[in-house]
C-alpha atoms as a PDB file:
ATOM      1  CA  MET A   1      49.720  66.067  55.799  1.00  0.00           C
ATOM      2  CA  GLU A   2      51.155  65.439  52.217  1.00  0.00           C
ATOM      3  CA  HIS A   3      49.929  61.920  52.325  1.00  0.00           C
ATOM      4  CA  HIS A   4      46.331  63.466  52.672  1.00  0.00           C
ATOM      5  CA  ALA A   5      46.986  65.517  49.618  1.00  0.00           C
ATOM      6  CA  LEU A   6      48.420  62.548  47.650  1.00  0.00           C
ATOM      7  CA  LEU A   7      45.380  60.301  48.752  1.00  0.00           C
ATOM      8  CA  LYS A   8      42.886  63.197  47.684  1.00  0.00           C
ATOM      9  CA  LYS A   9      44.698  63.262  44.263  1.00  0.00           C
ATOM     10  CA  LEU A  10      44.705  59.614  43.772  1.00  0.00           C
ATOM     11  CA  LEU A  11      40.985  59.335  44.682  1.00  0.00           C
ATOM     12  CA  LEU A  12      39.993  62.174  42.445  1.00  0.00           C
ATOM     13  CA  SER A  13      41.941  60.537  39.533  1.00  0.00           C
ATOM     14  CA  ALA A  14      40.138  57.070  40.148  1.00  0.00           C
ATOM     15  CA  VAL A  15      36.737  58.953  40.133  1.00  0.00           C
ATOM     16  CA  ALA A  16      37.689  60.688  36.867  1.00  0.00           C
ATOM     17  CA  MET A  17      38.670  57.509  35.429  1.00  0.00           C
ATOM     18  CA  PHE A  18      35.553  55.806  36.257  1.00  0.00           C
ATOM     19  CA  ALA A  19      33.517  58.554  35.183  1.00  0.00           C
ATOM     20  CA  PHE A  20      35.410  58.576  31.735  1.00  0.00           C
ATOM     21  CA  ALA A  21      35.011  54.846  31.406  1.00  0.00           C
ATOM     22  CA  PHE A  22      31.164  54.997  32.198  1.00  0.00           C
ATOM     23  CA  ALA A  23      30.677  57.882  29.565  1.00  0.00           C
ATOM     24  CA  LEU A  24      32.989  56.232  26.903  1.00  0.00           C
ATOM     25  CA  VAL A  25      30.058  54.130  25.323  1.00  0.00           C
ATOM     26  CA  PRO A  26      27.598  57.236  24.649  1.00  0.00           C
ATOM     27  CA  LEU A  27      30.596  59.250  23.679  1.00  0.00           C
ATOM     28  CA  TYR A  28      31.628  56.531  21.201  1.00  0.00           C
ATOM     29  CA  ASP A  29      28.097  56.588  19.821  1.00  0.00           C
ATOM     30  CA  VAL A  30      28.214  60.410  19.329  1.00  0.00           C
ATOM     31  CA  PHE A  31      31.642  60.228  17.664  1.00  0.00           C
ATOM     32  CA  CYS A  32      30.246  57.631  15.081  1.00  0.00           C
ATOM     33  CA  ASP A  33      27.111  59.508  14.456  1.00  0.00           C
ATOM     34  CA  VAL A  34      29.296  62.673  13.780  1.00  0.00           C
ATOM     35  CA  THR A  35      31.980  61.058  11.700  1.00  0.00           C
ATOM     36  CA  GLY A  36      29.696  58.456  10.011  1.00  0.00           C
ATOM     37  CA  LEU A  37      31.977  55.477  11.171  1.00  0.00           C
ATOM     38  CA  ASN A  38      30.933  52.159  12.380  1.00  0.00           C
ATOM     39  CA  GLY A  39      27.268  52.158  11.114  1.00  0.00           C
ATOM     40  CA  LYS A  40      25.474  49.198  12.441  1.00  0.00           C
ATOM     41  CA  PRO A  41      23.310  47.659  10.092  1.00  0.00           C
ATOM     42  CA  SER A  42      20.626  45.132  10.910  1.00  0.00           C
ATOM     43  CA  MET A  43      21.722  41.391  11.258  1.00  0.00           C
ATOM     44  CA  GLU A  44      18.217  40.161  10.338  1.00  0.00           C
ATOM     45  CA  ALA A  45      16.857  39.683   6.837  1.00  0.00           C
ATOM     46  CA  ALA A  46      14.921  42.579   5.560  1.00  0.00           C
ATOM     47  CA  GLU A  47      11.401  42.539   4.095  1.00  0.00           C
ATOM     48  CA  GLN A  48      10.822  42.966   0.295  1.00  0.00           C
ATOM     49  CA  SER A  49      11.974  46.267  -1.287  1.00  0.00           C
ATOM     50  CA  GLN A  50       9.664  48.951  -2.401  1.00  0.00           C
ATOM     51  CA  ALA A  51       9.165  50.471  -5.562  1.00  0.00           C
ATOM     52  CA  VAL A  52      12.224  51.186  -7.629  1.00  0.00           C
ATOM     53  CA  ILE A  53      13.319  54.907  -7.910  1.00  0.00           C
ATOM     54  CA  ASN A  54      14.808  55.007 -11.480  1.00  0.00           C
ATOM     55  CA  SER A  55      15.864  58.858 -11.433  1.00  0.00           C
ATOM     56  CA  ARG A  56      18.576  58.068  -8.672  1.00  0.00           C
ATOM     57  CA  THR A  57      21.621  55.888  -8.361  1.00  0.00           C
ATOM     58  CA  VAL A  58      23.611  55.238  -5.262  1.00  0.00           C
ATOM     59  CA  ASP A  59      27.193  53.822  -5.535  1.00  0.00           C
ATOM     60  CA  VAL A  60      27.580  50.790  -3.141  1.00  0.00           C
ATOM     61  CA  SER A  61      31.260  49.829  -2.615  1.00  0.00           C
ATOM     62  CA  PHE A  62      32.275  46.543  -0.713  1.00  0.00           C
ATOM     63  CA  THR A  63      35.325  46.003   1.509  1.00  0.00           C
ATOM     64  CA  THR A  64      36.226  43.179   3.527  1.00  0.00           C
ATOM     65  CA  HIS A  65      39.136  42.478   5.900  1.00  0.00           C
ATOM     66  CA  ALA A  66      39.851  39.481   8.242  1.00  0.00           C
ATOM     67  CA  GLN A  67      40.720  40.001  11.736  1.00  0.00           C
ATOM     68  CA  GLN A  68      44.529  39.766  12.300  1.00  0.00           C
ATOM     69  CA  SER A  69      44.389  36.006  13.527  1.00  0.00           C
ATOM     70  CA  ALA A  70      41.656  34.828  11.212  1.00  0.00           C
ATOM     71  CA  PRO A  71      42.876  32.462   8.465  1.00  0.00           C
ATOM     72  CA  PHE A  72      40.356  33.673   5.858  1.00  0.00           C
ATOM     73  CA  ALA A  73      40.580  35.557   2.521  1.00  0.00           C
ATOM     74  CA  VAL A  74      37.296  37.317   1.612  1.00  0.00           C
ATOM     75  CA  LYS A  75      36.331  39.438  -1.435  1.00  0.00           C
ATOM     76  CA  SER A  76      33.560  40.553  -3.438  1.00  0.00           C
ATOM     77  CA  GLN A  77      33.308  39.917  -7.208  1.00  0.00           C
ATOM     78  CA  GLN A  78      32.672  43.466  -7.699  1.00  0.00           C
ATOM     79  CA  TYR A  79      34.413  46.188  -5.746  1.00  0.00           C
ATOM     80  CA  MET A  80      31.412  48.493  -6.305  1.00  0.00           C
ATOM     81  CA  VAL A  81      27.697  48.488  -7.967  1.00  0.00           C
ATOM     82  CA  GLN A  82      25.529  51.177  -8.962  1.00  0.00           C
ATOM     83  CA  VAL A  83      21.823  50.611  -7.537  1.00  0.00           C
ATOM     84  CA  LYS A  84      18.666  52.424  -7.722  1.00  0.00           C
ATOM     85  CA  PRO A  85      16.941  52.713  -4.578  1.00  0.00           C
ATOM     86  CA  GLY A  86      14.391  49.948  -3.993  1.00  0.00           C
ATOM     87  CA  GLU A  87      16.190  47.975  -6.539  1.00  0.00           C
ATOM     88  CA  MET A  88      17.003  44.197  -5.608  1.00  0.00           C
ATOM     89  CA  THR A  89      20.846  43.650  -6.183  1.00  0.00           C
ATOM     90  CA  GLU A  90      22.906  40.526  -5.899  1.00  0.00           C
ATOM     91  CA  VAL A  91      26.643  40.445  -5.347  1.00  0.00           C
ATOM     92  CA  THR A  92      28.957  37.571  -5.040  1.00  0.00           C
ATOM     93  CA  PHE A  93      31.613  37.104  -2.396  1.00  0.00           C
ATOM     94  CA  PHE A  94      34.451  34.614  -2.233  1.00  0.00           C
ATOM     95  CA  ALA A  95      35.809  33.205   0.865  1.00  0.00           C
ATOM     96  CA  GLN A  96      38.688  30.797   1.390  1.00  0.00           C
ATOM     97  CA  ASN A  97      39.958  29.097   4.529  1.00  0.00           C
ATOM     98  CA  LEU A  98      43.764  29.623   4.485  1.00  0.00           C
ATOM     99  CA  SER A  99      44.551  27.353   7.090  1.00  0.00           C
ATOM    100  CA  GLY A 100      45.217  23.474   6.922  1.00  0.00           C
ATOM    101  CA  SER A 101      42.371  22.652   9.460  1.00  0.00           C
ATOM    102  CA  ALA A 102      38.642  23.165   9.606  1.00  0.00           C
ATOM    103  CA  ARG A 103      37.614  26.609  10.641  1.00  0.00           C
ATOM    104  CA  VAL A 104      34.418  28.568  11.446  1.00  0.00           C
ATOM    105  CA  MET A 105      34.094  31.907  10.080  1.00  0.00           C
ATOM    106  CA  GLN A 106      31.589  34.891  11.211  1.00  0.00           C
ATOM    107  CA  ALA A 107      31.290  38.072   9.134  1.00  0.00           C
ATOM    108  CA  VAL A 108      30.294  41.377  10.758  1.00  0.00           C
ATOM    109  CA  PRO A 109      29.012  44.122   8.552  1.00  0.00           C
ATOM    110  CA  SER A 110      29.311  47.889   8.897  1.00  0.00           C
ATOM    111  CA  VAL A 111      28.066  50.511   6.570  1.00  0.00           C
ATOM    112  CA  SER A 112      29.539  53.959   6.112  1.00  0.00           C
ATOM    113  CA  PRO A 113      28.430  56.719   6.298  1.00  0.00           C
ATOM    114  CA  GLY A 114      26.781  55.672   9.675  1.00  0.00           C
ATOM    115  CA  LYS A 115      23.499  57.475   8.988  1.00  0.00           C
ATOM    116  CA  ALA A 116      23.088  55.262   5.896  1.00  0.00           C
ATOM    117  CA  ALA A 117      23.020  51.900   7.887  1.00  0.00           C
ATOM    118  CA  LYS A 118      19.499  51.860   8.499  1.00  0.00           C
ATOM    119  CA  TYR A 119      18.733  52.203   4.722  1.00  0.00           C
ATOM    120  CA  LEU A 120      20.623  49.324   3.615  1.00  0.00           C
ATOM    121  CA  HIS A 121      18.471  46.234   3.719  1.00  0.00           C
ATOM    122  CA  LYS A 122      19.824  42.665   3.364  1.00  0.00           C
ATOM    123  CA  MET A 123      17.626  39.872   2.233  1.00  0.00           C
ATOM    124  CA  ALA A 124      20.203  37.129   2.194  1.00  0.00           C
ATOM    125  CA  CYS A 125      23.720  37.603   3.579  1.00  0.00           C
ATOM    126  CA  PHE A 126      26.535  35.381   4.717  1.00  0.00           C
ATOM    127  CA  CYS A 127      26.773  37.463   7.874  1.00  0.00           C
ATOM    128  CA  PHE A 128      23.437  35.928   9.129  1.00  0.00           C
ATOM    129  CA  ASP A 129      24.991  32.772  10.015  1.00  0.00           C
ATOM    130  CA  LYS A 130      28.428  31.232  10.943  1.00  0.00           C
ATOM    131  CA  GLN A 131      29.963  29.607   7.962  1.00  0.00           C
ATOM    132  CA  ALA A 132      31.908  26.376   8.393  1.00  0.00           C
ATOM    133  CA  PHE A 133      34.871  25.677   6.042  1.00  0.00           C
ATOM    134  CA  ALA A 134      36.909  22.418   5.735  1.00  0.00           C
ATOM    135  CA  PRO A 135      40.756  22.901   5.467  1.00  0.00           C
ATOM    136  CA  SER A 136      41.710  25.003   2.560  1.00  0.00           C
ATOM    137  CA  GLU A 137      38.115  25.123   1.337  1.00  0.00           C
ATOM    138  CA  GLN A 138      36.801  28.081  -0.893  1.00  0.00           C
ATOM    139  CA  LEU A 139      33.127  28.935  -0.864  1.00  0.00           C
ATOM    140  CA  GLU A 140      30.922  31.255  -2.758  1.00  0.00           C
ATOM    141  CA  PHE A 141      28.199  33.505  -1.035  1.00  0.00           C
ATOM    142  CA  LYS A 142      25.596  35.613  -2.359  1.00  0.00           C
ATOM    143  CA  LEU A 143      24.701  39.016  -0.875  1.00  0.00           C
ATOM    144  CA  LEU A 144      21.092  40.040  -1.758  1.00  0.00           C
ATOM    145  CA  PHE A 145      20.162  43.681  -0.547  1.00  0.00           C
ATOM    146  CA  TYR A 146      18.431  46.834  -1.715  1.00  0.00           C
ATOM    147  CA  VAL A 147      18.866  50.486  -0.594  1.00  0.00           C
ATOM    148  CA  ASP A 148      15.770  52.102   0.978  1.00  0.00           C
ATOM    149  CA  THR A 149      13.965  54.592  -1.075  1.00  0.00           C
ATOM    150  CA  GLU A 150      13.733  56.881   2.010  1.00  0.00           C
ATOM    151  CA  LEU A 151      17.623  57.106   1.837  1.00  0.00           C
ATOM    152  CA  PRO A 152      18.583  60.709   2.269  1.00  0.00           C
ATOM    153  CA  ALA A 153      19.197  62.621  -1.096  1.00  0.00           C
ATOM    154  CA  ASP A 154      22.715  63.872   0.381  1.00  0.00           C
ATOM    155  CA  VAL A 155      23.935  60.297   0.512  1.00  0.00           C
ATOM    156  CA  LYS A 156      25.214  59.420  -3.029  1.00  0.00           C
ATOM    157  CA  GLU A 157      27.606  56.640  -2.245  1.00  0.00           C
ATOM    158  CA  LEU A 158      28.000  54.058   0.883  1.00  0.00           C
ATOM    159  CA  THR A 159      30.401  51.454   1.659  1.00  0.00           C
ATOM    160  CA  LEU A 160      29.446  48.053   3.016  1.00  0.00           C
ATOM    161  CA  SER A 161      32.292  46.759   5.056  1.00  0.00           C
ATOM    162  CA  TYR A 162      32.735  43.301   6.447  1.00  0.00           C
ATOM    163  CA  THR A 163      35.275  42.223   9.112  1.00  0.00           C
ATOM    164  CA  VAL A 164      35.629  38.642   9.287  1.00  0.00           C
ATOM    165  CA  PHE A 165      36.467  36.784  12.585  1.00  0.00           C
ATOM    166  CA  ASP A 166      37.670  33.149  13.258  1.00  0.00           C
ATOM    167  CA  ILE A 167      35.158  32.018  15.790  1.00  0.00           C
ATOM    168  CA  SER A 168      36.239  27.993  15.653  1.00  0.00           C
ATOM    169  CA  ASP A 169      37.497  27.959  19.193  1.00  0.00           C
ATOM    170  CA  SER A 170      34.158  29.391  20.712  1.00  0.00           C
ATOM    171  CA  VAL A 171      32.400  27.038  18.608  1.00  0.00           C
ATOM    172  CA  GLN A 172      34.415  24.187  19.715  1.00  0.00           C
ATOM    173  CA  ALA A 173      33.839  25.502  23.402  1.00  0.00           C
ATOM    174  CA  ASN A 174      30.243  25.235  22.892  1.00  0.00           C
ATOM    175  CA  ILE A 175      30.260  21.884  21.404  1.00  0.00           C
ATOM    176  CA  ASN A 176      32.318  20.601  24.240  1.00  0.00           C
ATOM    177  CA  ALA A 177      30.135  22.288  26.861  1.00  0.00           C
ATOM    178  CA  ALA A 178      27.169  20.637  25.374  1.00  0.00           C
ATOM    179  CA  THR A 179      28.633  17.212  25.075  1.00  0.00           C
ATOM    180  CA  ALA A 180      29.597  17.547  28.812  1.00  0.00           C
ATOM    181  CA  ASN A 181      25.885  18.417  29.636  1.00  0.00           C
ATOM    182  CA  ILE A 182      24.592  15.438  27.887  1.00  0.00           C
ATOM    183  CA  GLY A 183      27.096  13.303  29.531  1.00  0.00           C
ATOM    184  CA  ALA A 184      26.126  14.675  32.844  1.00  0.00           C
ATOM    185  CA  SER A 185      22.344  13.711  32.534  1.00  0.00           C
END
């Protein structure tokens, strides 16, 4: 009898864990919407900006950080810029491969507050493509963007954050697989 009660508790626990795991993604999206974390900007080049609104400015800050194992240092030339909605703005970023071997970097952007993500439009961004580095090489990248004129009036500042990943191993695996497929043909 005790075994049946224990079995019921264990099955109920397993069902509860499955239900929680299933609900986690929508719950995370709600959490991000409420807190303004993890804004997901588009990874595609935007269309040309609209007319500039001269009566309003928005502070746009830039942060960068590398994944723990990524041997890259990335920083923007300016920590913050003041932009007018609709105004095209260019910011320079510097990235350096800190390792003694060739590496490939991928930057993943995020905008905070999250509700502002759809109003930040990038025309040119190093995050659109993988970036290859020679050993210890330093490169300069241009970010060209504008803030949409439809940005809600209560948003006076936003942060564009880049997380940098070392994707060298996955790129090499793709090269090896392609080479193997060519050799098998």
